[in-house]
Structures are given as structure tokens and as C-alpha cells.
Amino acid sequence: ASTEYDLVVVDSPPILGLPEPMQMATAVDGVVVVTKAGETNREAVGSVLTTLQKVRANVVGLVLNDVTQDVSDAYYYGYHGFYQHYRAY
């Protein structure tokens, strides 16, 4: 598809616990990790990012979905600081 289109987006199942998404992550140009506010914990995000780093996947971003106003401050500071810490390595 990349020979016919400028951008190809591939959606995969969750990375942890399944081998196929990890194979997909190494075959694409970039990976965007999607998390859900209030459900995805920091340890799971850290595990995913560490696993992707081990297989040399190109992580280009992290998305936090379903952020509502009542939890936005906590998630902004919590996840943003964590991701910045991860990117420093």
C-alpha cells in the first residue's frame, strides 16, 4: 500500500500479550501508542514502551484517549512527565 499512498495507518490489537502486534511494530515506519485515561496504568505504558524499544520499533508518539476535564490535570502531569522521562533514555 505504501507504493500507492502517502500515508498508511495500520491498527493493531494491544501490544502486550500478543506476538503479532510486536511484529507489526517492527515492520512499520512509526508506532503511536494509544492509552485510555483512567484505565491504562503507568506500569503498562512503561512496559509497552520498553518492549517496543527492545525490538527497535520507532515510537513516534503517545496518545491519551478519553481524557475528561475532571481527570485532565492528573493525567497531563502524570503521563506527560512519565513520557518525557522515558524519552530521555
PDB file of N, CA and C in Angstrom:
ATOM      1  N   ALA A   1       0.815  -1.191   0.000  1.00  0.00           N
ATOM      2  CA  ALA A   1       0.000   0.000   0.000  1.00  0.00           C
ATOM      3  C   ALA A   1       0.866   1.266   0.000  1.00  0.00           C
ATOM      4  N   SER A   2       2.073   1.185   0.558  1.00  0.00           N
ATOM      5  CA  SER A   2       2.917   2.383   0.653  1.00  0.00           C
ATOM      6  C   SER A   2       3.398   2.875  -0.704  1.00  0.00           C
ATOM      7  N   THR A   3       3.354   2.030  -1.725  1.00  0.00           N
ATOM      8  CA  THR A   3       3.742   2.478  -3.062  1.00  0.00           C
ATOM      9  C   THR A   3       2.637   3.305  -3.719  1.00  0.00           C
ATOM     10  N   GLU A   4       1.400   3.156  -3.254  1.00  0.00           N
ATOM     11  CA  GLU A   4       0.274   3.868  -3.839  1.00  0.00           C
ATOM     12  C   GLU A   4      -0.225   5.042  -3.001  1.00  0.00           C
ATOM     13  N   TYR A   5       0.113   5.071  -1.700  1.00  0.00           N
ATOM     14  CA  TYR A   5      -0.418   6.095  -0.799  1.00  0.00           C
ATOM     15  C   TYR A   5       0.709   6.768  -0.024  1.00  0.00           C
ATOM     16  N   ASP A   6       0.492   8.046   0.311  1.00  0.00           N
ATOM     17  CA  ASP A   6       1.474   8.794   1.093  1.00  0.00           C
ATOM     18  C   ASP A   6       1.489   8.364   2.552  1.00  0.00           C
ATOM     19  N   LEU A   7       0.338   8.010   3.083  1.00  0.00           N
ATOM     20  CA  LEU A   7       0.225   7.628   4.492  1.00  0.00           C
ATOM     21  C   LEU A   7      -0.645   6.389   4.610  1.00  0.00           C
ATOM     22  N   VAL A   8      -0.128   5.380   5.280  1.00  0.00           N
ATOM     23  CA  VAL A   8      -0.873   4.159   5.540  1.00  0.00           C
ATOM     24  C   VAL A   8      -0.916   3.974   7.051  1.00  0.00           C
ATOM     25  N   VAL A   9      -2.115   3.884   7.607  1.00  0.00           N
ATOM     26  CA  VAL A   9      -2.285   3.685   9.043  1.00  0.00           C
ATOM     27  C   VAL A   9      -2.726   2.245   9.273  1.00  0.00           C
ATOM     28  N   VAL A  10      -2.012   1.573  10.158  1.00  0.00           N
ATOM     29  CA  VAL A  10      -2.320   0.185  10.475  1.00  0.00           C
ATOM     30  C   VAL A  10      -2.724   0.117  11.949  1.00  0.00           C
ATOM     31  N   ASP A  11      -3.908  -0.383  12.223  1.00  0.00           N
ATOM     32  CA  ASP A  11      -4.377  -0.538  13.598  1.00  0.00           C
ATOM     33  C   ASP A  11      -4.086  -1.966  14.030  1.00  0.00           C
ATOM     34  N   SER A  12      -3.662  -2.106  15.288  1.00  0.00           N
ATOM     35  CA  SER A  12      -3.348  -3.452  15.770  1.00  0.00           C
ATOM     36  C   SER A  12      -4.018  -3.695  17.115  1.00  0.00           C
ATOM     37  N   PRO A  13      -4.084  -4.955  17.515  1.00  0.00           N
ATOM     38  CA  PRO A  13      -4.563  -5.258  18.871  1.00  0.00           C
ATOM     39  C   PRO A  13      -3.550  -4.739  19.892  1.00  0.00           C
ATOM     40  N   PRO A  14      -3.875  -4.780  21.178  1.00  0.00           N
ATOM     41  CA  PRO A  14      -2.913  -4.344  22.192  1.00  0.00           C
ATOM     42  C   PRO A  14      -1.588  -5.099  22.072  1.00  0.00           C
ATOM     43  N   ILE A  15      -0.498  -4.403  22.328  1.00  0.00           N
ATOM     44  CA  ILE A  15       0.828  -4.993  22.144  1.00  0.00           C
ATOM     45  C   ILE A  15       1.134  -6.062  23.172  1.00  0.00           C
ATOM     46  N   LEU A  16       0.815  -5.806  24.433  1.00  0.00           N
ATOM     47  CA  LEU A  16       1.175  -6.755  25.485  1.00  0.00           C
ATOM     48  C   LEU A  16       0.379  -8.045  25.364  1.00  0.00           C
ATOM     49  N   GLY A  17       1.080  -9.159  25.378  1.00  0.00           N
ATOM     50  CA  GLY A  17       0.428 -10.460  25.383  1.00  0.00           C
ATOM     51  C   GLY A  17       0.220 -11.104  24.030  1.00  0.00           C
ATOM     52  N   LEU A  18       0.458 -10.387  22.956  1.00  0.00           N
ATOM     53  CA  LEU A  18       0.262 -10.954  21.622  1.00  0.00           C
ATOM     54  C   LEU A  18       1.510 -10.738  20.770  1.00  0.00           C
ATOM     55  N   PRO A  19       1.945 -11.741  20.007  1.00  0.00           N
ATOM     56  CA  PRO A  19       3.154 -11.577  19.198  1.00  0.00           C
ATOM     57  C   PRO A  19       2.948 -10.774  17.914  1.00  0.00           C
ATOM     58  N   GLU A  20       1.767 -10.829  17.326  1.00  0.00           N
ATOM     59  CA  GLU A  20       1.535 -10.180  16.038  1.00  0.00           C
ATOM     60  C   GLU A  20       1.723  -8.664  16.078  1.00  0.00           C
ATOM     61  N   PRO A  21       1.172  -7.959  17.077  1.00  0.00           N
ATOM     62  CA  PRO A  21       1.372  -6.504  17.107  1.00  0.00           C
ATOM     63  C   PRO A  21       2.847  -6.117  17.211  1.00  0.00           C
ATOM     64  N   MET A  22       3.639  -6.911  17.898  1.00  0.00           N
ATOM     65  CA  MET A  22       5.064  -6.614  18.012  1.00  0.00           C
ATOM     66  C   MET A  22       5.752  -6.795  16.652  1.00  0.00           C
ATOM     67  N   GLN A  23       5.367  -7.810  15.911  1.00  0.00           N
ATOM     68  CA  GLN A  23       5.907  -7.997  14.565  1.00  0.00           C
ATOM     69  C   GLN A  23       5.501  -6.823  13.672  1.00  0.00           C
ATOM     70  N   MET A  24       4.266  -6.378  13.807  1.00  0.00           N
ATOM     71  CA  MET A  24       3.793  -5.241  13.026  1.00  0.00           C
ATOM     72  C   MET A  24       4.578  -3.983  13.379  1.00  0.00           C
ATOM     73  N   ALA A  25       4.877  -3.787  14.657  1.00  0.00           N
ATOM     74  CA  ALA A  25       5.587  -2.592  15.114  1.00  0.00           C
ATOM     75  C   ALA A  25       6.977  -2.494  14.505  1.00  0.00           C
ATOM     76  N   THR A  26       7.597  -3.617  14.237  1.00  0.00           N
ATOM     77  CA  THR A  26       8.935  -3.593  13.644  1.00  0.00           C
ATOM     78  C   THR A  26       8.890  -3.450  12.128  1.00  0.00           C
ATOM     79  N   ALA A  27       7.716  -3.641  11.534  1.00  0.00           N
ATOM     80  CA  ALA A  27       7.598  -3.587  10.074  1.00  0.00           C
ATOM     81  C   ALA A  27       7.132  -2.232   9.550  1.00  0.00           C
ATOM     82  N   VAL A  28       6.685  -1.355  10.436  1.00  0.00           N
ATOM     83  CA  VAL A  28       6.158  -0.057  10.010  1.00  0.00           C
ATOM     84  C   VAL A  28       7.180   1.052  10.258  1.00  0.00           C
ATOM     85  N   ASP A  29       6.935   2.217   9.669  1.00  0.00           N
ATOM     86  CA  ASP A  29       7.854   3.348   9.832  1.00  0.00           C
ATOM     87  C   ASP A  29       7.779   3.980  11.214  1.00  0.00           C
ATOM     88  N   GLY A  30       6.618   3.950  11.857  1.00  0.00           N
ATOM     89  CA  GLY A  30       6.464   4.571  13.168  1.00  0.00           C
ATOM     90  C   GLY A  30       5.283   3.994  13.921  1.00  0.00           C
ATOM     91  N   VAL A  31       5.384   4.036  15.237  1.00  0.00           N
ATOM     92  CA  VAL A  31       4.337   3.496  16.109  1.00  0.00           C
ATOM     93  C   VAL A  31       3.813   4.617  17.006  1.00  0.00           C
ATOM     94  N   VAL A  32       2.491   4.708  17.107  1.00  0.00           N
ATOM     95  CA  VAL A  32       1.849   5.610  18.049  1.00  0.00           C
ATOM     96  C   VAL A  32       1.160   4.723  19.083  1.00  0.00           C
ATOM     97  N   VAL A  33       1.540   4.873  20.331  1.00  0.00           N
ATOM     98  CA  VAL A  33       0.954   4.096  21.418  1.00  0.00           C
ATOM     99  C   VAL A  33      -0.289   4.834  21.903  1.00  0.00           C
ATOM    100  N   VAL A  34      -1.424   4.135  21.946  1.00  0.00           N
ATOM    101  CA  VAL A  34      -2.683   4.738  22.381  1.00  0.00           C
ATOM    102  C   VAL A  34      -3.058   4.146  23.735  1.00  0.00           C
ATOM    103  N   THR A  35      -3.341   5.033  24.691  1.00  0.00           N
ATOM    104  CA  THR A  35      -3.734   4.615  26.032  1.00  0.00           C
ATOM    105  C   THR A  35      -5.090   5.215  26.360  1.00  0.00           C
ATOM    106  N   LYS A  36      -5.740   4.699  27.404  1.00  0.00           N
ATOM    107  CA  LYS A  36      -7.058   5.209  27.784  1.00  0.00           C
ATOM    108  C   LYS A  36      -6.991   5.769  29.199  1.00  0.00           C
ATOM    109  N   ALA A  37      -7.399   7.020  29.337  1.00  0.00           N
ATOM    110  CA  ALA A  37      -7.381   7.688  30.640  1.00  0.00           C
ATOM    111  C   ALA A  37      -8.230   6.918  31.643  1.00  0.00           C
ATOM    112  N   GLY A  38      -7.673   6.702  32.812  1.00  0.00           N
ATOM    113  CA  GLY A  38      -8.406   6.024  33.866  1.00  0.00           C
ATOM    114  C   GLY A  38      -8.375   4.520  33.787  1.00  0.00           C
ATOM    115  N   GLU A  39      -7.860   3.968  32.698  1.00  0.00           N
ATOM    116  CA  GLU A  39      -7.807   2.507  32.553  1.00  0.00           C
ATOM    117  C   GLU A  39      -6.395   1.988  32.335  1.00  0.00           C
ATOM    118  N   THR A  40      -5.618   2.670  31.519  1.00  0.00           N
ATOM    119  CA  THR A  40      -4.252   2.225  31.256  1.00  0.00           C
ATOM    120  C   THR A  40      -3.350   2.778  32.350  1.00  0.00           C
ATOM    121  N   ASN A  41      -2.685   1.881  33.085  1.00  0.00           N
ATOM    122  CA  ASN A  41      -1.838   2.380  34.166  1.00  0.00           C
ATOM    123  C   ASN A  41      -0.423   2.652  33.677  1.00  0.00           C
ATOM    124  N   ARG A  42       0.286   3.391  34.459  1.00  0.00           N
ATOM    125  CA  ARG A  42       1.635   3.838  34.107  1.00  0.00           C
ATOM    126  C   ARG A  42       2.586   2.660  33.868  1.00  0.00           C
ATOM    127  N   GLU A  43       2.463   1.621  34.670  1.00  0.00           N
ATOM    128  CA  GLU A  43       3.334   0.456  34.517  1.00  0.00           C
ATOM    129  C   GLU A  43       3.112  -0.235  33.171  1.00  0.00           C
ATOM    130  N   ALA A  44       1.863  -0.308  32.732  1.00  0.00           N
ATOM    131  CA  ALA A  44       1.560  -0.921  31.439  1.00  0.00           C
ATOM    132  C   ALA A  44       2.158  -0.097  30.305  1.00  0.00           C
ATOM    133  N   VAL A  45       2.036   1.225  30.394  1.00  0.00           N
ATOM    134  CA  VAL A  45       2.620   2.100  29.373  1.00  0.00           C
ATOM    135  C   VAL A  45       4.138   1.926  29.357  1.00  0.00           C
ATOM    136  N   GLY A  46       4.748   1.899  30.527  1.00  0.00           N
ATOM    137  CA  GLY A  46       6.196   1.705  30.615  1.00  0.00           C
ATOM    138  C   GLY A  46       6.628   0.373  30.030  1.00  0.00           C
ATOM    139  N   SER A  47       5.864  -0.668  30.300  1.00  0.00           N
ATOM    140  CA  SER A  47       6.174  -1.990  29.763  1.00  0.00           C
ATOM    141  C   SER A  47       6.083  -2.012  28.237  1.00  0.00           C
ATOM    142  N   VAL A  48       5.048  -1.375  27.704  1.00  0.00           N
ATOM    143  CA  VAL A  48       4.890  -1.309  26.246  1.00  0.00           C
ATOM    144  C   VAL A  48       6.058  -0.552  25.616  1.00  0.00           C
ATOM    145  N   LEU A  49       6.398   0.600  26.178  1.00  0.00           N
ATOM    146  CA  LEU A  49       7.487   1.403  25.613  1.00  0.00           C
ATOM    147  C   LEU A  49       8.829   0.683  25.713  1.00  0.00           C
ATOM    148  N   THR A  50       9.063   0.004  26.817  1.00  0.00           N
ATOM    149  CA  THR A  50      10.303  -0.764  26.978  1.00  0.00           C
ATOM    150  C   THR A  50      10.366  -1.905  25.976  1.00  0.00           C
ATOM    151  N   THR A  51       9.257  -2.599  25.806  1.00  0.00           N
ATOM    152  CA  THR A  51       9.205  -3.713  24.861  1.00  0.00           C
ATOM    153  C   THR A  51       9.433  -3.223  23.431  1.00  0.00           C
ATOM    154  N   LEU A  52       8.803  -2.112  23.076  1.00  0.00           N
ATOM    155  CA  LEU A  52       8.997  -1.548  21.733  1.00  0.00           C
ATOM    156  C   LEU A  52      10.441  -1.110  21.528  1.00  0.00           C
ATOM    157  N   GLN A  53      11.045  -0.572  22.566  1.00  0.00           N
ATOM    158  CA  GLN A  53      12.442  -0.154  22.473  1.00  0.00           C
ATOM    159  C   GLN A  53      13.357  -1.361  22.255  1.00  0.00           C
ATOM    160  N   LYS A  54      13.063  -2.459  22.926  1.00  0.00           N
ATOM    161  CA  LYS A  54      13.884  -3.673  22.802  1.00  0.00           C
ATOM    162  C   LYS A  54      13.877  -4.226  21.386  1.00  0.00           C
ATOM    163  N   VAL A  55      12.742  -4.109  20.699  1.00  0.00           N
ATOM    164  CA  VAL A  55      12.665  -4.623  19.326  1.00  0.00           C
ATOM    165  C   VAL A  55      13.003  -3.547  18.300  1.00  0.00           C
ATOM    166  N   ARG A  56      13.444  -2.380  18.791  1.00  0.00           N
ATOM    167  CA  ARG A  56      13.864  -1.265  17.957  1.00  0.00           C
ATOM    168  C   ARG A  56      12.751  -0.690  17.084  1.00  0.00           C
ATOM    169  N   ALA A  57      11.534  -0.695  17.628  1.00  0.00           N
ATOM    170  CA  ALA A  57      10.410  -0.053  16.935  1.00  0.00           C
ATOM    171  C   ALA A  57      10.550   1.456  17.101  1.00  0.00           C
ATOM    172  N   ASN A  58      10.141   2.193  16.107  1.00  0.00           N
ATOM    173  CA  ASN A  58      10.238   3.647  16.115  1.00  0.00           C
ATOM    174  C   ASN A  58       8.968   4.244  16.728  1.00  0.00           C
ATOM    175  N   VAL A  59       9.006   4.527  18.024  1.00  0.00           N
ATOM    176  CA  VAL A  59       7.857   5.126  18.706  1.00  0.00           C
ATOM    177  C   VAL A  59       7.860   6.620  18.412  1.00  0.00           C
ATOM    178  N   VAL A  60       6.822   7.077  17.728  1.00  0.00           N
ATOM    179  CA  VAL A  60       6.750   8.485  17.335  1.00  0.00           C
ATOM    180  C   VAL A  60       5.801   9.298  18.199  1.00  0.00           C
ATOM    181  N   GLY A  61       5.033   8.632  19.060  1.00  0.00           N
ATOM    182  CA  GLY A  61       4.134   9.385  19.914  1.00  0.00           C
ATOM    183  C   GLY A  61       3.330   8.521  20.851  1.00  0.00           C
ATOM    184  N   LEU A  62       2.665   9.214  21.764  1.00  0.00           N
ATOM    185  CA  LEU A  62       1.807   8.582  22.759  1.00  0.00           C
ATOM    186  C   LEU A  62       0.515   9.384  22.814  1.00  0.00           C
ATOM    187  N   VAL A  63      -0.626   8.701  22.703  1.00  0.00           N
ATOM    188  CA  VAL A  63      -1.933   9.359  22.733  1.00  0.00           C
ATOM    189  C   VAL A  63      -2.666   8.907  23.983  1.00  0.00           C
ATOM    190  N   LEU A  64      -3.250   9.856  24.701  1.00  0.00           N
ATOM    191  CA  LEU A  64      -4.074   9.545  25.863  1.00  0.00           C
ATOM    192  C   LEU A  64      -5.518   9.863  25.493  1.00  0.00           C
ATOM    193  N   ASN A  65      -6.314   8.832  25.276  1.00  0.00           N
ATOM    194  CA  ASN A  65      -7.716   8.975  24.864  1.00  0.00           C
ATOM    195  C   ASN A  65      -8.637   9.110  26.062  1.00  0.00           C
ATOM    196  N   ASP A  66      -9.816   9.653  25.809  1.00  0.00           N
ATOM    197  CA  ASP A  66     -10.899   9.752  26.792  1.00  0.00           C
ATOM    198  C   ASP A  66     -10.534  10.562  28.026  1.00  0.00           C
ATOM    199  N   VAL A  67      -9.761  11.612  27.848  1.00  0.00           N
ATOM    200  CA  VAL A  67      -9.437  12.497  28.965  1.00  0.00           C
ATOM    201  C   VAL A  67     -10.606  13.450  29.170  1.00  0.00           C
ATOM    202  N   THR A  68     -11.127  13.458  30.367  1.00  0.00           N
ATOM    203  CA  THR A  68     -12.214  14.366  30.690  1.00  0.00           C
ATOM    204  C   THR A  68     -11.683  15.474  31.590  1.00  0.00           C
ATOM    205  N   GLN A  69     -12.442  16.522  31.727  1.00  0.00           N
ATOM    206  CA  GLN A  69     -11.984  17.672  32.497  1.00  0.00           C
ATOM    207  C   GLN A  69     -11.704  17.311  33.948  1.00  0.00           C
ATOM    208  N   ASP A  70     -12.468  16.395  34.519  1.00  0.00           N
ATOM    209  CA  ASP A  70     -12.279  16.060  35.929  1.00  0.00           C
ATOM    210  C   ASP A  70     -10.980  15.295  36.195  1.00  0.00           C
ATOM    211  N   VAL A  71     -10.394  14.672  35.174  1.00  0.00           N
ATOM    212  CA  VAL A  71      -9.128  13.962  35.382  1.00  0.00           C
ATOM    213  C   VAL A  71      -7.993  14.530  34.546  1.00  0.00           C
ATOM    214  N   SER A  72      -8.251  15.563  33.793  1.00  0.00           N
ATOM    215  CA  SER A  72      -7.242  16.045  32.845  1.00  0.00           C
ATOM    216  C   SER A  72      -5.969  16.533  33.516  1.00  0.00           C
ATOM    217  N   ASP A  73      -6.048  17.267  34.630  1.00  0.00           N
ATOM    218  CA  ASP A  73      -4.845  17.746  35.293  1.00  0.00           C
ATOM    219  C   ASP A  73      -3.982  16.593  35.779  1.00  0.00           C
ATOM    220  N   ALA A  74      -4.590  15.610  36.398  1.00  0.00           N
ATOM    221  CA  ALA A  74      -3.828  14.477  36.926  1.00  0.00           C
ATOM    222  C   ALA A  74      -3.152  13.705  35.805  1.00  0.00           C
ATOM    223  N   TYR A  75      -3.862  13.470  34.709  1.00  0.00           N
ATOM    224  CA  TYR A  75      -3.265  12.709  33.625  1.00  0.00           C
ATOM    225  C   TYR A  75      -2.231  13.507  32.860  1.00  0.00           C
ATOM    226  N   TYR A  76      -2.461  14.794  32.694  1.00  0.00           N
ATOM    227  CA  TYR A  76      -1.481  15.600  31.974  1.00  0.00           C
ATOM    228  C   TYR A  76      -0.138  15.556  32.693  1.00  0.00           C
ATOM    229  N   TYR A  77      -0.163  15.825  33.971  1.00  0.00           N
ATOM    230  CA  TYR A  77       1.096  15.853  34.720  1.00  0.00           C
ATOM    231  C   TYR A  77       1.674  14.460  34.876  1.00  0.00           C
ATOM    232  N   GLY A  78       0.826  13.469  35.130  1.00  0.00           N
ATOM    233  CA  GLY A  78       1.313  12.113  35.348  1.00  0.00           C
ATOM    234  C   GLY A  78       1.908  11.501  34.092  1.00  0.00           C
ATOM    235  N   TYR A  79       1.161  11.475  33.021  1.00  0.00           N
ATOM    236  CA  TYR A  79       1.646  10.819  31.813  1.00  0.00           C
ATOM    237  C   TYR A  79       2.668  11.652  31.064  1.00  0.00           C
ATOM    238  N   HIS A  80       2.467  12.950  30.997  1.00  0.00           N
ATOM    239  CA  HIS A  80       3.413  13.790  30.268  1.00  0.00           C
ATOM    240  C   HIS A  80       4.788  13.680  30.908  1.00  0.00           C
ATOM    241  N   GLY A  81       4.852  13.783  32.222  1.00  0.00           N
ATOM    242  CA  GLY A  81       6.135  13.675  32.917  1.00  0.00           C
ATOM    243  C   GLY A  81       6.759  12.308  32.732  1.00  0.00           C
ATOM    244  N   PHE A  82       5.929  11.263  32.756  1.00  0.00           N
ATOM    245  CA  PHE A  82       6.446   9.909  32.576  1.00  0.00           C
ATOM    246  C   PHE A  82       7.009   9.726  31.175  1.00  0.00           C
ATOM    247  N   TYR A  83       6.284  10.198  30.162  1.00  0.00           N
ATOM    248  CA  TYR A  83       6.739  10.014  28.794  1.00  0.00           C
ATOM    249  C   TYR A  83       8.010  10.815  28.527  1.00  0.00           C
ATOM    250  N   GLN A  84       8.081  12.024  29.056  1.00  0.00           N
ATOM    251  CA  GLN A  84       9.300  12.805  28.908  1.00  0.00           C
ATOM    252  C   GLN A  84      10.465  12.104  29.566  1.00  0.00           C
ATOM    253  N   HIS A  85      10.218  11.497  30.714  1.00  0.00           N
ATOM    254  CA  HIS A  85      11.273  10.744  31.406  1.00  0.00           C
ATOM    255  C   HIS A  85      11.735   9.575  30.530  1.00  0.00           C
ATOM    256  N   TYR A  86      10.781   8.855  29.920  1.00  0.00           N
ATOM    257  CA  TYR A  86      11.121   7.739  29.061  1.00  0.00           C
ATOM    258  C   TYR A  86      11.939   8.189  27.862  1.00  0.00           C
ATOM    259  N   ARG A  87      11.524   9.277  27.224  1.00  0.00           N
ATOM    260  CA  ARG A  87      12.206   9.764  26.025  1.00  0.00           C
ATOM    261  C   ARG A  87      13.645  10.205  26.310  1.00  0.00           C
ATOM    262  N   ALA A  88      13.957  10.525  27.542  1.00  0.00           N
ATOM    263  CA  ALA A  88      15.308  10.973  27.873  1.00  0.00           C
ATOM    264  C   ALA A  88      16.321   9.837  27.767  1.00  0.00           C
ATOM    265  N   TYR A  89      15.858   8.593  27.804  1.00  0.00           N
ATOM    266  CA  TYR A  89      16.793   7.479  27.761  1.00  0.00           C
ATOM    267  C   TYR A  89      17.179   7.160  26.362  1.00  0.00           C
TER     268      TYR A  89
END
